[in-house]
Amino acid sequence: MRPARTGVVLTQVGGPEDLQSVRPYLRSFFSDPDLIRLPRWLRPLQGLFAWSLSTARAPYSRSLYASIGGGSPIRGQTEAQAQALERELRKRGLRFPVFVSMRHSQPNSLAAMRAAAQAGLDRLIVIGLFPQYSFSTTLSGIVGVRNALAELDYHPEVIALEEHCDDPDYVAAIADVTRKALHAFSAPAPEVHLIFSAHGLPRSYIEGGDPYLSHVQRSVKAISAVLGHPGPIHISFQSRLGPQKWLEPASDKLIGELASRGAKAMCIVPIAFVSEHVETLNEIDIQYAAIAKRAGVEEFDRACALKCHPRYITCLANAVSRHAT
């Protein structure tokens, strides 16, 4: 029997590449039952909900993407990560093709699985580019892959790697970009408030068994131990959407509260983002920076997203290598 032909699939949420793509992206986003979990009695109306909310929110979202150059950089950065991972695997003697599977933009799950089928692969290692597992991201990406496989009537073995929240190489990569950001501050290190800002999630998800909060806490604990930062350390959550109760504290509110207590220097670490998003380039760099300035914060900066940081690519390659045979 010949050995299985193996490929790697990197899943991401995706993002609109231009302003014309914003509404279709939002409609797909809000249609995702793993990402937007409506009450059971409303689920038959998810399509109508997605159409209505995407129509209402599109003008505001377009303004956000316009502020960062007219589209999301996520496709280019994710494809660069895939290429870097493929190169690293080849150094290890693993000639595994690496595919990008975006849940709500191109190249989508169907395109990725069609390419894998055309390559004759019978084994796929699926990695969510989400260090902390969540129904809304990791699970959604896996569901997208499985739905595409079913649509194509393609039946490879699928190995899903679901989290790497405290993997030593991921931790080292975050610590490195954080250390570089902290070195740029003129304030003494003990006076710099380090804020690990994770993407928010409704509390109902956590109550329903989503391990995301505990994974964020594990990440922060591991990174803090490596950094040894002498100043205050906080965890907060950003990107709230809708009226339900979300994880707290909200990042924007925490910035204001810390400033009201005299904090003058703050460094944000976007711990759940491994590529730049509108949430980093607009929400943190523009909106939160403005909040901090109005509140009297003298130094406000953030660590960059990991992108192709060598230690992060090593983290992904090690995960693949563990399942290579």
C-alpha atoms as a PDB file:
ATOM      1  CA  MET A   1       0.000   0.000   0.000  1.00  0.00           C
ATOM      2  CA  ARG A   2       1.379   3.416  -0.937  1.00  0.00           C
ATOM      3  CA  PRO A   3       1.714   6.035   1.839  1.00  0.00           C
ATOM      4  CA  ALA A   4      -1.049   8.595   2.109  1.00  0.00           C
ATOM      5  CA  ARG A   5      -0.514  11.787   0.135  1.00  0.00           C
ATOM      6  CA  THR A   6      -0.816  14.517   2.750  1.00  0.00           C
ATOM      7  CA  GLY A   7      -1.652  18.192   2.510  1.00  0.00           C
ATOM      8  CA  VAL A   8      -2.139  20.989   5.028  1.00  0.00           C
ATOM      9  CA  VAL A   9      -5.117  23.345   5.197  1.00  0.00           C
ATOM     10  CA  LEU A  10      -4.919  26.674   7.044  1.00  0.00           C
ATOM     11  CA  THR A  11      -8.356  28.030   7.928  1.00  0.00           C
ATOM     12  CA  GLN A  12      -9.151  31.685   8.551  1.00  0.00           C
ATOM     13  CA  VAL A  13     -12.285  33.810   8.821  1.00  0.00           C
ATOM     14  CA  GLY A  14     -11.340  35.930   5.810  1.00  0.00           C
ATOM     15  CA  GLY A  15     -12.116  39.531   4.967  1.00  0.00           C
ATOM     16  CA  PRO A  16     -13.232  41.756   2.089  1.00  0.00           C
ATOM     17  CA  GLU A  17     -10.475  42.579  -0.364  1.00  0.00           C
ATOM     18  CA  ASP A  18     -12.141  45.798  -1.541  1.00  0.00           C
ATOM     19  CA  LEU A  19     -15.064  48.014  -0.581  1.00  0.00           C
ATOM     20  CA  GLN A  20     -17.414  46.311  -3.058  1.00  0.00           C
ATOM     21  CA  SER A  21     -16.815  43.008  -1.254  1.00  0.00           C
ATOM     22  CA  VAL A  22     -17.812  44.293   2.188  1.00  0.00           C
ATOM     23  CA  ARG A  23     -21.536  43.519   2.034  1.00  0.00           C
ATOM     24  CA  PRO A  24     -21.141  39.992   0.552  1.00  0.00           C
ATOM     25  CA  TYR A  25     -18.526  39.275   3.188  1.00  0.00           C
ATOM     26  CA  LEU A  26     -20.810  40.476   5.974  1.00  0.00           C
ATOM     27  CA  ARG A  27     -23.732  38.470   4.634  1.00  0.00           C
ATOM     28  CA  SER A  28     -21.656  35.293   4.625  1.00  0.00           C
ATOM     29  CA  PHE A  29     -20.286  36.157   8.081  1.00  0.00           C
ATOM     30  CA  PHE A  30     -23.711  36.683   9.642  1.00  0.00           C
ATOM     31  CA  SER A  31     -25.072  33.549   7.924  1.00  0.00           C
ATOM     32  CA  ASP A  32     -22.552  31.337   9.734  1.00  0.00           C
ATOM     33  CA  PRO A  33     -24.435  29.460  12.505  1.00  0.00           C
ATOM     34  CA  ASP A  34     -21.201  28.663  14.355  1.00  0.00           C
ATOM     35  CA  LEU A  35     -20.074  32.277  14.357  1.00  0.00           C
ATOM     36  CA  ILE A  36     -23.481  33.899  14.930  1.00  0.00           C
ATOM     37  CA  ARG A  37     -25.398  31.554  17.220  1.00  0.00           C
ATOM     38  CA  LEU A  38     -29.020  32.632  17.163  1.00  0.00           C
ATOM     39  CA  PRO A  39     -31.567  31.276  19.663  1.00  0.00           C
ATOM     40  CA  ARG A  40     -33.060  28.006  18.473  1.00  0.00           C
ATOM     41  CA  TRP A  41     -36.403  29.577  17.578  1.00  0.00           C
ATOM     42  CA  LEU A  42     -34.665  32.147  15.343  1.00  0.00           C
ATOM     43  CA  ARG A  43     -32.353  29.773  13.469  1.00  0.00           C
ATOM     44  CA  PRO A  44     -34.739  29.202  10.532  1.00  0.00           C
ATOM     45  CA  LEU A  45     -34.508  32.968   9.944  1.00  0.00           C
ATOM     46  CA  GLN A  46     -30.696  33.158   9.939  1.00  0.00           C
ATOM     47  CA  GLY A  47     -30.593  33.922   6.211  1.00  0.00           C
ATOM     48  CA  LEU A  48     -33.028  36.819   6.595  1.00  0.00           C
ATOM     49  CA  PHE A  49     -31.132  38.021   9.682  1.00  0.00           C
ATOM     50  CA  ALA A  50     -27.852  37.950   7.720  1.00  0.00           C
ATOM     51  CA  TRP A  51     -29.331  39.848   4.784  1.00  0.00           C
ATOM     52  CA  SER A  52     -30.846  42.528   7.036  1.00  0.00           C
ATOM     53  CA  LEU A  53     -27.824  43.023   9.269  1.00  0.00           C
ATOM     54  CA  SER A  54     -25.314  43.025   6.404  1.00  0.00           C
ATOM     55  CA  THR A  55     -27.410  45.623   4.575  1.00  0.00           C
ATOM     56  CA  ALA A  56     -27.644  47.837   7.662  1.00  0.00           C
ATOM     57  CA  ARG A  57     -24.010  47.485   8.707  1.00  0.00           C
ATOM     58  CA  ALA A  58     -22.303  47.654   5.308  1.00  0.00           C
ATOM     59  CA  PRO A  59     -21.942  51.487   5.140  1.00  0.00           C
ATOM     60  CA  TYR A  60     -20.254  51.635   8.544  1.00  0.00           C
ATOM     61  CA  SER A  61     -18.033  48.646   7.779  1.00  0.00           C
ATOM     62  CA  ARG A  62     -17.016  50.181   4.440  1.00  0.00           C
ATOM     63  CA  SER A  63     -15.862  53.281   6.313  1.00  0.00           C
ATOM     64  CA  LEU A  64     -13.691  51.094   8.563  1.00  0.00           C
ATOM     65  CA  TYR A  65     -12.079  49.311   5.626  1.00  0.00           C
ATOM     66  CA  ALA A  66     -11.659  52.608   3.778  1.00  0.00           C
ATOM     67  CA  SER A  67      -9.631  53.854   6.752  1.00  0.00           C
ATOM     68  CA  ILE A  68      -7.124  50.992   6.366  1.00  0.00           C
ATOM     69  CA  GLY A  69      -6.615  51.214   2.621  1.00  0.00           C
ATOM     70  CA  GLY A  70      -9.896  49.962   1.170  1.00  0.00           C
ATOM     71  CA  GLY A  71      -9.810  46.284   2.139  1.00  0.00           C
ATOM     72  CA  SER A  72      -8.517  43.629   4.498  1.00  0.00           C
ATOM     73  CA  PRO A  73      -4.874  42.498   4.241  1.00  0.00           C
ATOM     74  CA  ILE A  74      -5.763  39.063   5.574  1.00  0.00           C
ATOM     75  CA  ARG A  75      -5.637  37.160   2.274  1.00  0.00           C
ATOM     76  CA  GLY A  76      -2.112  38.242   1.394  1.00  0.00           C
ATOM     77  CA  GLN A  77      -0.813  37.669   4.913  1.00  0.00           C
ATOM     78  CA  THR A  78      -2.448  34.239   5.217  1.00  0.00           C
ATOM     79  CA  GLU A  79      -1.118  33.140   1.830  1.00  0.00           C
ATOM     80  CA  ALA A  80       2.345  34.300   2.926  1.00  0.00           C
ATOM     81  CA  GLN A  81       1.978  32.172   6.078  1.00  0.00           C
ATOM     82  CA  ALA A  82       1.003  29.179   3.930  1.00  0.00           C
ATOM     83  CA  GLN A  83       4.057  29.670   1.716  1.00  0.00           C
ATOM     84  CA  ALA A  84       6.356  30.057   4.723  1.00  0.00           C
ATOM     85  CA  LEU A  85       4.939  26.895   6.287  1.00  0.00           C
ATOM     86  CA  GLU A  86       5.365  24.952   3.048  1.00  0.00           C
ATOM     87  CA  ARG A  87       9.024  26.045   2.860  1.00  0.00           C
ATOM     88  CA  GLU A  88       9.638  25.050   6.476  1.00  0.00           C
ATOM     89  CA  LEU A  89       8.051  21.647   5.936  1.00  0.00           C
ATOM     90  CA  ARG A  90      10.245  21.058   2.883  1.00  0.00           C
ATOM     91  CA  LYS A  91      13.319  21.741   5.016  1.00  0.00           C
ATOM     92  CA  ARG A  92      12.091  18.857   7.181  1.00  0.00           C
ATOM     93  CA  GLY A  93      11.672  16.564   4.203  1.00  0.00           C
ATOM     94  CA  LEU A  94       7.870  16.934   4.160  1.00  0.00           C
ATOM     95  CA  ARG A  95       6.662  17.918   0.692  1.00  0.00           C
ATOM     96  CA  PHE A  96       3.137  18.770   1.815  1.00  0.00           C
ATOM     97  CA  PRO A  97       1.216  21.367  -0.191  1.00  0.00           C
ATOM     98  CA  VAL A  98      -0.418  24.013   2.015  1.00  0.00           C
ATOM     99  CA  PHE A  99      -3.828  25.435   1.125  1.00  0.00           C
ATOM    100  CA  VAL A 100      -5.652  28.478   2.456  1.00  0.00           C
ATOM    101  CA  SER A 101      -9.330  28.024   3.318  1.00  0.00           C
ATOM    102  CA  MET A 102     -11.174  31.258   4.095  1.00  0.00           C
ATOM    103  CA  ARG A 103     -14.580  30.781   5.681  1.00  0.00           C
ATOM    104  CA  HIS A 104     -16.181  33.962   4.356  1.00  0.00           C
ATOM    105  CA  SER A 105     -14.041  35.217   1.471  1.00  0.00           C
ATOM    106  CA  GLN A 106     -11.748  33.898  -1.246  1.00  0.00           C
ATOM    107  CA  PRO A 107     -10.081  31.464  -1.540  1.00  0.00           C
ATOM    108  CA  ASN A 108     -12.978  29.785   0.259  1.00  0.00           C
ATOM    109  CA  SER A 109     -13.286  26.266   1.627  1.00  0.00           C
ATOM    110  CA  LEU A 110     -14.717  24.928  -1.623  1.00  0.00           C
ATOM    111  CA  ALA A 111     -11.811  26.331  -3.653  1.00  0.00           C
ATOM    112  CA  ALA A 112      -9.288  24.922  -1.184  1.00  0.00           C
ATOM    113  CA  MET A 113     -10.847  21.452  -1.158  1.00  0.00           C
ATOM    114  CA  ARG A 114     -11.171  21.403  -4.936  1.00  0.00           C
ATOM    115  CA  ALA A 115      -7.440  22.162  -5.191  1.00  0.00           C
ATOM    116  CA  ALA A 116      -6.656  19.403  -2.676  1.00  0.00           C
ATOM    117  CA  ALA A 117      -8.762  16.929  -4.634  1.00  0.00           C
ATOM    118  CA  GLN A 118      -7.071  17.884  -7.900  1.00  0.00           C
ATOM    119  CA  ALA A 119      -3.702  17.277  -6.209  1.00  0.00           C
ATOM    120  CA  GLY A 120      -4.827  13.732  -5.410  1.00  0.00           C
ATOM    121  CA  LEU A 121      -4.458  14.098  -1.649  1.00  0.00           C
ATOM    122  CA  ASP A 122      -6.016  11.503   0.618  1.00  0.00           C
ATOM    123  CA  ARG A 123      -5.009  12.989   3.966  1.00  0.00           C
ATOM    124  CA  LEU A 124      -5.513  16.572   5.156  1.00  0.00           C
ATOM    125  CA  ILE A 125      -4.116  18.203   8.287  1.00  0.00           C
ATOM    126  CA  VAL A 126      -6.372  21.151   9.084  1.00  0.00           C
ATOM    127  CA  ILE A 127      -5.036  23.943  11.304  1.00  0.00           C
ATOM    128  CA  GLY A 128      -7.121  26.923  12.379  1.00  0.00           C
ATOM    129  CA  LEU A 129      -5.054  30.100  12.474  1.00  0.00           C
ATOM    130  CA  PHE A 130      -6.672  30.825  15.827  1.00  0.00           C
ATOM    131  CA  PRO A 131      -4.360  30.058  18.761  1.00  0.00           C
ATOM    132  CA  GLN A 132      -7.344  29.923  21.123  1.00  0.00           C
ATOM    133  CA  TYR A 133     -10.170  27.561  20.136  1.00  0.00           C
ATOM    134  CA  SER A 134     -13.664  28.963  19.694  1.00  0.00           C
ATOM    135  CA  PHE A 135     -16.867  27.691  18.135  1.00  0.00           C
ATOM    136  CA  SER A 136     -16.983  30.954  16.176  1.00  0.00           C
ATOM    137  CA  THR A 137     -13.574  30.583  14.527  1.00  0.00           C
ATOM    138  CA  THR A 138     -11.891  27.191  14.845  1.00  0.00           C
ATOM    139  CA  LEU A 139     -15.057  25.106  14.648  1.00  0.00           C
ATOM    140  CA  SER A 140     -16.488  27.295  11.888  1.00  0.00           C
ATOM    141  CA  GLY A 141     -13.361  26.750   9.785  1.00  0.00           C
ATOM    142  CA  ILE A 142     -13.511  22.975  10.252  1.00  0.00           C
ATOM    143  CA  VAL A 143     -17.217  22.938   9.370  1.00  0.00           C
ATOM    144  CA  GLY A 144     -16.431  24.923   6.227  1.00  0.00           C
ATOM    145  CA  VAL A 145     -13.867  22.315   5.178  1.00  0.00           C
ATOM    146  CA  ARG A 146     -16.194  19.397   5.909  1.00  0.00           C
ATOM    147  CA  ASN A 147     -19.097  21.043   4.069  1.00  0.00           C
ATOM    148  CA  ALA A 148     -16.877  21.545   1.026  1.00  0.00           C
ATOM    149  CA  LEU A 149     -15.701  17.935   1.144  1.00  0.00           C
ATOM    150  CA  ALA A 150     -19.297  16.743   1.212  1.00  0.00           C
ATOM    151  CA  GLU A 151     -20.256  19.002  -1.693  1.00  0.00           C
ATOM    152  CA  LEU A 152     -17.374  17.628  -3.773  1.00  0.00           C
ATOM    153  CA  ASP A 153     -17.984  14.025  -2.682  1.00  0.00           C
ATOM    154  CA  TYR A 154     -14.309  13.968  -1.706  1.00  0.00           C
ATOM    155  CA  HIS A 155     -13.376  11.778   1.268  1.00  0.00           C
ATOM    156  CA  PRO A 156      -9.790  12.212   2.483  1.00  0.00           C
ATOM    157  CA  GLU A 157      -8.793  11.472   6.056  1.00  0.00           C
ATOM    158  CA  VAL A 158      -9.100  14.749   8.011  1.00  0.00           C
ATOM    159  CA  ILE A 159      -6.976  15.524  11.058  1.00  0.00           C
ATOM    160  CA  ALA A 160      -8.096  18.733  12.749  1.00  0.00           C
ATOM    161  CA  LEU A 161      -5.599  20.508  15.030  1.00  0.00           C
ATOM    162  CA  GLU A 162      -7.739  22.747  17.157  1.00  0.00           C
ATOM    163  CA  GLU A 163      -5.564  25.028  19.304  1.00  0.00           C
ATOM    164  CA  HIS A 164      -2.049  26.093  20.148  1.00  0.00           C
ATOM    165  CA  CYS A 165      -2.822  28.621  22.867  1.00  0.00           C
ATOM    166  CA  ASP A 166       0.258  27.906  24.992  1.00  0.00           C
ATOM    167  CA  ASP A 167       2.517  26.174  22.489  1.00  0.00           C
ATOM    168  CA  PRO A 168       6.096  27.217  23.390  1.00  0.00           C
ATOM    169  CA  ASP A 169       6.875  28.559  19.904  1.00  0.00           C
ATOM    170  CA  TYR A 170       3.633  30.542  19.680  1.00  0.00           C
ATOM    171  CA  VAL A 171       4.367  31.917  23.149  1.00  0.00           C
ATOM    172  CA  ALA A 172       7.925  32.820  22.140  1.00  0.00           C
ATOM    173  CA  ALA A 173       6.678  34.603  19.015  1.00  0.00           C
ATOM    174  CA  ILE A 174       4.133  36.690  20.946  1.00  0.00           C
ATOM    175  CA  ALA A 175       6.710  37.454  23.625  1.00  0.00           C
ATOM    176  CA  ASP A 176       9.155  38.627  20.948  1.00  0.00           C
ATOM    177  CA  VAL A 177       6.787  41.063  19.216  1.00  0.00           C
ATOM    178  CA  THR A 178       5.581  42.288  22.614  1.00  0.00           C
ATOM    179  CA  ARG A 179       9.111  42.843  23.858  1.00  0.00           C
ATOM    180  CA  LYS A 180       9.903  44.880  20.744  1.00  0.00           C
ATOM    181  CA  ALA A 181       6.824  47.036  21.280  1.00  0.00           C
ATOM    182  CA  LEU A 182       7.679  47.597  24.949  1.00  0.00           C
ATOM    183  CA  HIS A 183      11.247  48.632  24.105  1.00  0.00           C
ATOM    184  CA  ALA A 184       9.853  51.587  22.137  1.00  0.00           C
ATOM    185  CA  PHE A 185       8.274  53.130  25.256  1.00  0.00           C
ATOM    186  CA  SER A 186      10.073  55.937  27.031  1.00  0.00           C
ATOM    187  CA  ALA A 187       8.123  55.364  30.261  1.00  0.00           C
ATOM    188  CA  PRO A 188       9.821  53.074  32.805  1.00  0.00           C
ATOM    189  CA  ALA A 189       8.748  49.457  32.254  1.00  0.00           C
ATOM    190  CA  PRO A 190       6.937  49.173  35.636  1.00  0.00           C
ATOM    191  CA  GLU A 191       4.679  52.059  34.553  1.00  0.00           C
ATOM    192  CA  VAL A 192       3.636  50.539  31.208  1.00  0.00           C
ATOM    193  CA  HIS A 193       0.273  48.808  31.352  1.00  0.00           C
ATOM    194  CA  LEU A 194       0.360  45.686  29.189  1.00  0.00           C
ATOM    195  CA  ILE A 195      -3.108  44.899  27.838  1.00  0.00           C
ATOM    196  CA  PHE A 196      -3.716  41.538  26.153  1.00  0.00           C
ATOM    197  CA  SER A 197      -6.703  42.335  23.968  1.00  0.00           C
ATOM    198  CA  ALA A 198      -8.523  39.280  22.601  1.00  0.00           C
ATOM    199  CA  HIS A 199     -11.455  39.229  20.215  1.00  0.00           C
ATOM    200  CA  GLY A 200     -14.663  39.346  22.225  1.00  0.00           C
ATOM    201  CA  LEU A 201     -17.249  36.591  22.480  1.00  0.00           C
ATOM    202  CA  PRO A 202     -20.787  36.516  23.914  1.00  0.00           C
ATOM    203  CA  ARG A 203     -20.835  35.060  27.413  1.00  0.00           C
ATOM    204  CA  SER A 204     -23.490  32.598  26.268  1.00  0.00           C
ATOM    205  CA  TYR A 205     -20.844  30.841  24.132  1.00  0.00           C
ATOM    206  CA  ILE A 206     -18.663  30.261  27.193  1.00  0.00           C
ATOM    207  CA  GLU A 207     -21.671  29.075  29.175  1.00  0.00           C
ATOM    208  CA  GLY A 208     -22.408  26.685  26.300  1.00  0.00           C
ATOM    209  CA  GLY A 209     -18.988  25.039  26.582  1.00  0.00           C
ATOM    210  CA  ASP A 210     -16.742  27.161  24.359  1.00  0.00           C
ATOM    211  CA  PRO A 211     -13.221  26.949  25.888  1.00  0.00           C
ATOM    212  CA  TYR A 212     -12.081  30.254  24.380  1.00  0.00           C
ATOM    213  CA  LEU A 213     -11.850  32.219  27.649  1.00  0.00           C
ATOM    214  CA  SER A 214      -9.765  29.548  29.357  1.00  0.00           C
ATOM    215  CA  HIS A 215      -7.495  29.353  26.305  1.00  0.00           C
ATOM    216  CA  VAL A 216      -6.970  33.137  26.352  1.00  0.00           C
ATOM    217  CA  GLN A 217      -6.103  32.937  30.039  1.00  0.00           C
ATOM    218  CA  ARG A 218      -3.638  30.095  29.358  1.00  0.00           C
ATOM    219  CA  SER A 219      -2.006  32.145  26.609  1.00  0.00           C
ATOM    220  CA  VAL A 220      -1.602  35.206  28.805  1.00  0.00           C
ATOM    221  CA  LYS A 221      -0.221  33.149  31.704  1.00  0.00           C
ATOM    222  CA  ALA A 222       2.379  31.467  29.496  1.00  0.00           C
ATOM    223  CA  ILE A 223       3.414  34.659  27.697  1.00  0.00           C
ATOM    224  CA  SER A 224       3.615  36.661  30.925  1.00  0.00           C
ATOM    225  CA  ALA A 225       5.925  34.038  32.424  1.00  0.00           C
ATOM    226  CA  VAL A 226       8.294  34.336  29.449  1.00  0.00           C
ATOM    227  CA  LEU A 227       8.152  38.143  29.293  1.00  0.00           C
ATOM    228  CA  GLY A 228       8.616  38.878  32.963  1.00  0.00           C
ATOM    229  CA  HIS A 229       7.071  42.316  32.447  1.00  0.00           C
ATOM    230  CA  PRO A 230       7.377  44.289  35.708  1.00  0.00           C
ATOM    231  CA  GLY A 231       4.348  46.488  35.038  1.00  0.00           C
ATOM    232  CA  PRO A 232       0.608  45.812  35.374  1.00  0.00           C
ATOM    233  CA  ILE A 233      -0.864  43.145  33.077  1.00  0.00           C
ATOM    234  CA  HIS A 234      -4.504  43.017  31.979  1.00  0.00           C
ATOM    235  CA  ILE A 235      -6.791  40.914  29.790  1.00  0.00           C
ATOM    236  CA  SER A 236      -9.573  42.610  27.830  1.00  0.00           C
ATOM    237  CA  PHE A 237     -11.914  41.894  24.925  1.00  0.00           C
ATOM    238  CA  GLN A 238     -12.684  43.888  21.804  1.00  0.00           C
ATOM    239  CA  SER A 239     -15.019  43.934  18.792  1.00  0.00           C
ATOM    240  CA  ARG A 240     -18.329  43.641  20.598  1.00  0.00           C
ATOM    241  CA  LEU A 241     -21.362  43.317  18.340  1.00  0.00           C
ATOM    242  CA  GLY A 242     -25.002  43.172  19.384  1.00  0.00           C
ATOM    243  CA  PRO A 243     -26.913  43.659  22.655  1.00  0.00           C
ATOM    244  CA  GLN A 244     -26.100  40.403  24.476  1.00  0.00           C
ATOM    245  CA  LYS A 245     -23.633  40.174  27.354  1.00  0.00           C
ATOM    246  CA  TRP A 246     -20.045  39.804  26.136  1.00  0.00           C
ATOM    247  CA  LEU A 247     -16.815  38.887  27.857  1.00  0.00           C
ATOM    248  CA  GLU A 248     -15.472  41.713  29.992  1.00  0.00           C
ATOM    249  CA  PRO A 249     -13.727  44.010  30.503  1.00  0.00           C
ATOM    250  CA  ALA A 250     -14.195  45.626  27.106  1.00  0.00           C
ATOM    251  CA  SER A 251     -10.860  46.909  25.799  1.00  0.00           C
ATOM    252  CA  ASP A 252     -12.097  50.442  25.108  1.00  0.00           C
ATOM    253  CA  LYS A 253     -13.607  50.747  28.582  1.00  0.00           C
ATOM    254  CA  LEU A 254     -10.491  49.356  30.239  1.00  0.00           C
ATOM    255  CA  ILE A 255      -8.348  51.962  28.499  1.00  0.00           C
ATOM    256  CA  GLY A 256     -10.570  54.728  29.868  1.00  0.00           C
ATOM    257  CA  GLU A 257     -10.675  53.248  33.366  1.00  0.00           C
ATOM    258  CA  LEU A 258      -6.911  52.823  33.572  1.00  0.00           C
ATOM    259  CA  ALA A 259      -6.393  56.369  32.337  1.00  0.00           C
ATOM    260  CA  SER A 260      -8.811  57.684  34.970  1.00  0.00           C
ATOM    261  CA  ARG A 261      -6.620  56.009  37.594  1.00  0.00           C
ATOM    262  CA  GLY A 262      -3.515  57.748  36.282  1.00  0.00           C
ATOM    263  CA  ALA A 263      -2.081  55.322  33.718  1.00  0.00           C
ATOM    264  CA  LYS A 264       0.048  57.207  31.168  1.00  0.00           C
ATOM    265  CA  ALA A 265       1.543  54.376  29.103  1.00  0.00           C
ATOM    266  CA  MET A 266      -0.293  51.422  27.548  1.00  0.00           C
ATOM    267  CA  CYS A 267       0.872  48.656  25.234  1.00  0.00           C
ATOM    268  CA  ILE A 268      -1.803  46.524  23.536  1.00  0.00           C
ATOM    269  CA  VAL A 269      -1.109  42.931  22.499  1.00  0.00           C
ATOM    270  CA  PRO A 270      -3.723  41.603  20.029  1.00  0.00           C
ATOM    271  CA  ILE A 271      -3.315  38.096  21.354  1.00  0.00           C
ATOM    272  CA  ALA A 272      -5.959  36.321  19.263  1.00  0.00           C
ATOM    273  CA  PHE A 273      -4.913  37.748  15.875  1.00  0.00           C
ATOM    274  CA  VAL A 274      -2.063  36.156  13.926  1.00  0.00           C
ATOM    275  CA  SER A 275      -2.507  38.523  10.965  1.00  0.00           C
ATOM    276  CA  GLU A 276      -3.554  42.142  10.739  1.00  0.00           C
ATOM    277  CA  HIS A 277      -7.309  42.729  10.586  1.00  0.00           C
ATOM    278  CA  VAL A 278      -9.611  45.714  10.639  1.00  0.00           C
ATOM    279  CA  GLU A 279      -9.742  44.978  14.385  1.00  0.00           C
ATOM    280  CA  THR A 280      -6.046  45.804  14.749  1.00  0.00           C
ATOM    281  CA  LEU A 281      -5.524  48.420  12.039  1.00  0.00           C
ATOM    282  CA  ASN A 282      -8.670  50.401  12.772  1.00  0.00           C
ATOM    283  CA  GLU A 283     -10.143  49.372  16.100  1.00  0.00           C
ATOM    284  CA  ILE A 284      -6.867  49.459  18.034  1.00  0.00           C
ATOM    285  CA  ASP A 285      -4.652  51.778  15.970  1.00  0.00           C
ATOM    286  CA  ILE A 286      -7.309  54.405  15.274  1.00  0.00           C
ATOM    287  CA  GLN A 287     -10.274  54.075  17.627  1.00  0.00           C
ATOM    288  CA  TYR A 288      -8.512  52.965  20.798  1.00  0.00           C
ATOM    289  CA  ALA A 289      -5.605  55.313  20.184  1.00  0.00           C
ATOM    290  CA  ALA A 290      -8.091  58.201  20.017  1.00  0.00           C
ATOM    291  CA  ILE A 291      -9.751  57.072  23.254  1.00  0.00           C
ATOM    292  CA  ALA A 292      -6.376  56.905  24.962  1.00  0.00           C
ATOM    293  CA  LYS A 293      -5.358  60.341  23.701  1.00  0.00           C
ATOM    294  CA  ARG A 294      -8.592  61.955  24.875  1.00  0.00           C
ATOM    295  CA  ALA A 295      -8.135  60.306  28.262  1.00  0.00           C
ATOM    296  CA  GLY A 296      -4.651  61.776  28.696  1.00  0.00           C
ATOM    297  CA  VAL A 297      -2.562  58.686  27.951  1.00  0.00           C
ATOM    298  CA  GLU A 298       0.866  59.900  26.820  1.00  0.00           C
ATOM    299  CA  GLU A 299       2.160  56.697  25.195  1.00  0.00           C
ATOM    300  CA  PHE A 300      -0.108  54.225  23.429  1.00  0.00           C
ATOM    301  CA  ASP A 301       1.180  51.542  21.089  1.00  0.00           C
ATOM    302  CA  ARG A 302       0.720  47.870  20.309  1.00  0.00           C
ATOM    303  CA  ALA A 303       2.566  44.734  19.358  1.00  0.00           C
ATOM    304  CA  CYS A 304       2.195  43.764  15.710  1.00  0.00           C
ATOM    305  CA  ALA A 305       0.381  40.617  14.599  1.00  0.00           C
ATOM    306  CA  LEU A 306       2.617  37.581  14.204  1.00  0.00           C
ATOM    307  CA  LYS A 307       2.189  37.126  10.436  1.00  0.00           C
ATOM    308  CA  CYS A 308       5.237  35.066   9.311  1.00  0.00           C
ATOM    309  CA  HIS A 309       7.249  35.341  12.521  1.00  0.00           C
ATOM    310  CA  PRO A 310       9.744  32.440  12.346  1.00  0.00           C
ATOM    311  CA  ARG A 311       8.742  31.036  15.738  1.00  0.00           C
ATOM    312  CA  TYR A 312       5.074  31.042  14.745  1.00  0.00           C
ATOM    313  CA  ILE A 313       5.827  29.217  11.504  1.00  0.00           C
ATOM    314  CA  THR A 314       7.855  26.761  13.603  1.00  0.00           C
ATOM    315  CA  CYS A 315       4.814  26.301  15.853  1.00  0.00           C
ATOM    316  CA  LEU A 316       2.663  25.379  12.857  1.00  0.00           C
ATOM    317  CA  ALA A 317       5.343  23.164  11.304  1.00  0.00           C
ATOM    318  CA  ASN A 318       5.844  21.264  14.558  1.00  0.00           C
ATOM    319  CA  ALA A 319       2.110  20.625  14.752  1.00  0.00           C
ATOM    320  CA  VAL A 320       2.125  19.230  11.210  1.00  0.00           C
ATOM    321  CA  SER A 321       5.250  17.172  11.844  1.00  0.00           C
ATOM    322  CA  ARG A 322       3.651  15.464  14.840  1.00  0.00           C
ATOM    323  CA  HIS A 323       0.954  14.131  12.518  1.00  0.00           C
ATOM    324  CA  ALA A 324       3.097  13.533   9.426  1.00  0.00           C
ATOM    325  CA  THR A 325       2.920   9.721   9.542  1.00  0.00           C
END
